[in-house]
Each structure stands twice: as C-alpha cells, then as structure tokens.
Protein backbone atom coordinates (compact mmCIF):
# COMPACT_ATOMS: atom_id res chain seq x y z
CA MET A 1 4.86 5.47 -21.44
CA MET A 2 6.64 2.26 -22.33
CA GLN A 3 9.94 2.59 -24.19
CA PRO A 4 10.01 1.51 -27.87
CA ASP A 5 11.57 -1.85 -26.94
CA GLY A 6 8.75 -2.61 -24.48
CA THR A 7 10.75 -1.72 -21.38
CA ARG A 8 8.78 0.00 -18.66
CA THR A 9 9.83 3.51 -17.73
CA VAL A 10 10.30 5.17 -14.38
CA ALA A 11 7.05 7.06 -15.10
CA ASP A 12 5.25 3.72 -15.53
CA VAL A 13 6.59 2.55 -12.17
CA PHE A 14 5.46 5.70 -10.38
CA ASP A 15 2.04 5.58 -12.05
CA LEU A 16 1.52 1.98 -10.97
CA ALA A 17 2.80 2.60 -7.45
CA ILE A 18 0.37 5.52 -7.07
CA GLU A 19 -2.48 3.40 -8.44
CA ILE A 20 -1.66 0.68 -5.91
CA GLU A 21 -1.71 3.16 -3.04
CA MET A 22 -5.13 4.39 -4.14
CA LYS A 23 -6.47 0.83 -4.54
CA ALA A 24 -5.18 -0.08 -1.09
CA GLY A 25 -7.01 2.97 0.26
CA LYS A 26 -10.25 1.78 -1.36
CA LEU A 27 -9.74 -1.67 0.17
CA TYR A 28 -9.27 -0.15 3.63
CA GLU A 29 -12.35 2.00 3.09
CA MET A 30 -14.32 -1.16 2.29
CA LEU A 31 -12.99 -2.81 5.46
CA ALA A 32 -14.00 0.22 7.52
CA CYS A 33 -17.56 -0.23 6.24
CA MET A 34 -17.52 -3.97 6.88
CA PHE A 35 -16.41 -3.42 10.48
CA ALA A 36 -18.42 -0.27 11.18
CA HIS A 37 -20.13 -2.14 14.05
CA GLU A 38 -16.74 -1.95 15.84
CA PRO A 39 -16.12 1.82 15.74
CA ALA A 40 -12.48 1.69 16.91
CA VAL A 41 -11.66 -0.96 14.34
CA ALA A 42 -13.45 0.99 11.60
CA GLY A 43 -11.40 4.01 12.67
CA PHE A 44 -8.23 1.95 12.30
CA TRP A 45 -9.14 1.00 8.71
CA ASN A 46 -10.06 4.60 7.90
CA ASP A 47 -6.72 5.72 9.30
CA LEU A 48 -4.90 3.27 7.00
CA LYS A 49 -7.03 4.54 4.10
CA ASP A 50 -5.90 8.09 4.84
CA ASP A 51 -2.29 6.93 5.05
CA GLU A 52 -2.57 5.42 1.57
CA ALA A 53 -3.77 8.74 0.15
CA GLY A 54 -0.76 10.37 1.82
CA HIS A 55 1.55 7.76 0.33
CA ALA A 56 0.18 8.46 -3.14
CA GLU A 57 0.79 12.18 -2.62
CA ILE A 58 4.39 11.57 -1.49
CA LEU A 59 4.98 9.43 -4.58
CA ARG A 60 3.54 12.19 -6.78
CA LYS A 61 5.93 14.62 -5.12
CA ALA A 62 8.87 12.25 -5.62
CA PHE A 63 7.93 11.87 -9.29
CA ALA A 64 7.78 15.64 -9.72
CA GLU A 65 11.28 15.94 -8.25
CA LEU A 66 12.86 13.51 -10.72
CA PRO A 67 15.69 15.02 -12.75
CA VAL A 68 15.02 16.01 -16.35
CA GLY A 69 14.71 12.85 -18.44
CA GLY A 70 14.36 10.64 -15.36
CA ALA A 71 10.72 9.78 -16.01
CA GLU A 72 11.49 8.43 -19.49
CA SER A 73 14.43 6.28 -18.41
CA ALA A 74 14.12 2.52 -18.21
CA ALA A 75 12.86 1.14 -14.91
CA GLU A 76 14.36 -1.84 -13.17
CA PRO A 77 12.25 -4.81 -14.39
CA GLY A 78 12.09 -6.33 -10.90
CA ILE A 79 10.34 -3.26 -9.54
CA TRP A 80 7.68 -3.48 -12.23
CA VAL A 81 7.10 -7.19 -11.58
CA THR A 82 6.80 -6.62 -7.82
CA LEU A 83 4.30 -3.82 -8.30
CA VAL A 84 2.22 -5.76 -10.86
CA GLU A 85 2.00 -8.71 -8.46
CA LEU A 86 0.88 -6.40 -5.66
CA LYS A 87 -1.76 -4.77 -7.86
CA ARG A 88 -3.08 -8.20 -8.85
CA ARG A 89 -3.28 -9.20 -5.19
CA ILE A 90 -5.31 -6.11 -4.34
CA ASP A 91 -7.51 -6.54 -7.42
CA ARG A 92 -8.36 -10.10 -6.32
CA CYS A 93 -9.71 -8.90 -2.95
CA SER A 94 -13.45 -9.08 -2.68
CA PRO A 95 -15.84 -8.51 0.23
CA ASN A 96 -16.45 -12.26 0.24
CA ASP A 97 -12.82 -12.81 1.27
CA PHE A 98 -13.45 -11.24 4.65
CA LYS A 99 -15.53 -13.29 7.04
CA THR A 100 -13.76 -12.11 10.20
CA LEU A 101 -11.47 -9.35 11.34
CA GLU A 102 -8.64 -11.89 11.28
CA ASP A 103 -9.16 -12.33 7.53
CA ALA A 104 -8.93 -8.56 7.05
CA TYR A 105 -5.89 -8.24 9.28
CA GLU A 106 -4.01 -11.00 7.47
CA VAL A 107 -4.65 -9.49 4.04
CA ALA A 108 -3.63 -6.03 5.25
CA HIS A 109 -0.47 -7.46 6.77
CA GLU A 110 0.40 -9.26 3.53
CA LEU A 111 -0.27 -6.20 1.40
CA GLU A 112 1.64 -3.78 3.58
CA TYR A 113 4.72 -5.94 3.69
CA SER A 114 4.52 -6.46 -0.09
CA GLU A 115 4.05 -2.72 -0.53
CA VAL A 116 7.18 -2.05 1.48
CA ASN A 117 9.15 -4.42 -0.75
CA GLY A 118 7.97 -2.50 -3.80
CA ILE A 119 8.78 0.86 -2.27
CA PHE A 120 12.21 -0.29 -1.13
CA ASN A 121 12.94 -1.58 -4.62
CA LEU A 122 12.04 1.88 -5.86
CA LEU A 123 14.37 3.47 -3.32
CA ALA A 124 17.21 1.04 -3.97
CA SER A 125 17.09 1.82 -7.66
CA GLY A 126 18.19 5.38 -6.89
CA LEU A 127 15.11 7.07 -8.34
CA THR A 128 14.54 9.47 -5.49
CA SER A 129 16.51 12.14 -3.66
CA PRO A 130 17.97 11.39 -0.22
CA GLU A 131 15.34 13.65 1.36
CA MET A 132 12.54 11.83 -0.42
CA LYS A 133 14.01 8.48 0.66
CA VAL A 134 13.73 9.58 4.28
CA GLU A 135 10.12 10.64 3.75
CA LEU A 136 9.22 7.36 2.00
CA VAL A 137 10.93 5.21 4.62
CA ASP A 138 9.29 7.13 7.45
CA MET A 139 5.96 6.86 5.64
CA ASN A 140 6.15 3.07 5.47
CA ILE A 141 8.08 1.97 8.49
CA ALA A 142 7.81 4.46 11.31
CA ARG A 143 4.11 5.23 10.94
CA HIS A 144 2.15 2.91 8.72
CA GLN A 145 3.49 -0.56 9.46
CA ASN A 146 3.70 0.18 13.15
CA LYS A 147 -0.08 0.56 13.11
CA LEU A 148 -0.40 -3.07 12.05
CA ILE A 149 2.20 -4.13 14.60
CA ASP A 150 0.27 -2.28 17.34
CA PHE A 151 -3.08 -3.67 16.21
CA THR A 152 -2.96 -6.65 18.58
CA ARG A 153 -2.03 -4.48 21.54
CA ASN A 154 -4.75 -1.97 20.75
CA PHE A 155 -7.58 -4.29 19.73
CA GLY A 156 -6.83 -7.88 20.71
CA GLY A 157 -5.06 -10.93 19.39
CA ARG A 158 -5.84 -13.52 16.76
CA ALA A 159 -8.44 -15.34 18.88
CA TRP A 160 -10.37 -12.10 19.43
CA ARG A 161 -10.08 -11.13 15.74
CA HIS A 162 -11.70 -14.44 14.81
CA THR A 163 -14.76 -13.51 16.89
CA ILE A 164 -15.35 -10.20 15.09
CA LEU A 165 -17.49 -10.94 12.05
CA ALA A 166 -17.50 -8.76 8.98
CA MET A 167 -20.83 -7.24 8.07
CA PRO A 168 -21.88 -7.79 4.45
CA ARG A 169 -21.48 -4.79 2.20
C-alpha cells in the first residue's frame, strides 16, 4: 500500500513485521526438526516458534487499533530498512547453515536482537498505544529474549553446543 510518491506506509511496515514473525517461526520449526534427537532442545525451538506466532498476533492487534488514517500514513524510512534487512537475513537461512547447535543459537541470537531493534523502532515512531507498547516490550524482552539468555544455563554453553550436531532435514 505504498504512497503515490513511493513512500512506505504504516500498513506496509506492519505487514512486513508480521511476515518476519511468521518466517522466524518457520525457521524455529525447522531447527526443532533438525535437533529432534535432543528433545529438550527441540522443545526450546518449538517454544520460540510459538512465541513468533504470538508476536504476529500482537502486531495484528496493534495494527487493528491504529487510529483512522494511521495505516495509510507514511512510515519512518528507517523502520522499513531495518525490517527489510531482517527479512533478507531470515530468507538467506538454509538448513545447510546449521551444522551444530551453536550455529543455530548464534543465528537465533542475531535475529532476535535485530527483531527487537525493528520492534523498538516501531514503538519509538509512536504508532502504537501505550498499552500496546507495554505488550510489545513484554513480548520481546521479558519473555522471548530471556529464553535465549537462559539457554546456556538450561542446556549448556558454547562448547557443549558445538558437540550437538544438526540432523539433515
């Protein structure tokens, strides 16, 4: 729903952000399959996959709560660029990229911290209500990223992750 001058709209930003959440979920689903021989680790990836579906739903809800005309307004170009870069990063992921659990962990860590930058750009641009900001921040910081932070404590450190080989898909 680009504006006549080629500027991306708020609707474009939300659509892309939702698409990214869904693509991230598919990536985590793939990782769950690749590490199915480690049931707790597969469960971790499935949990992240479910989180991504929840994130997409929260973004849909935020979009629905935009004021009249908000969806058609021009989006901050920096937000669009950040989201496009994140989508490209996810699109470049292939099963061949993941030889070990460490490879998977590093990509997830990179994506999640990039995702947070994109979401915070969205929040900083004033597109959402204060209540929705709380829900988005809680979604990304308090629950989702903490799972990655706790990964080492729950499953083992970098050396251990290097010993866990991905199974071909």
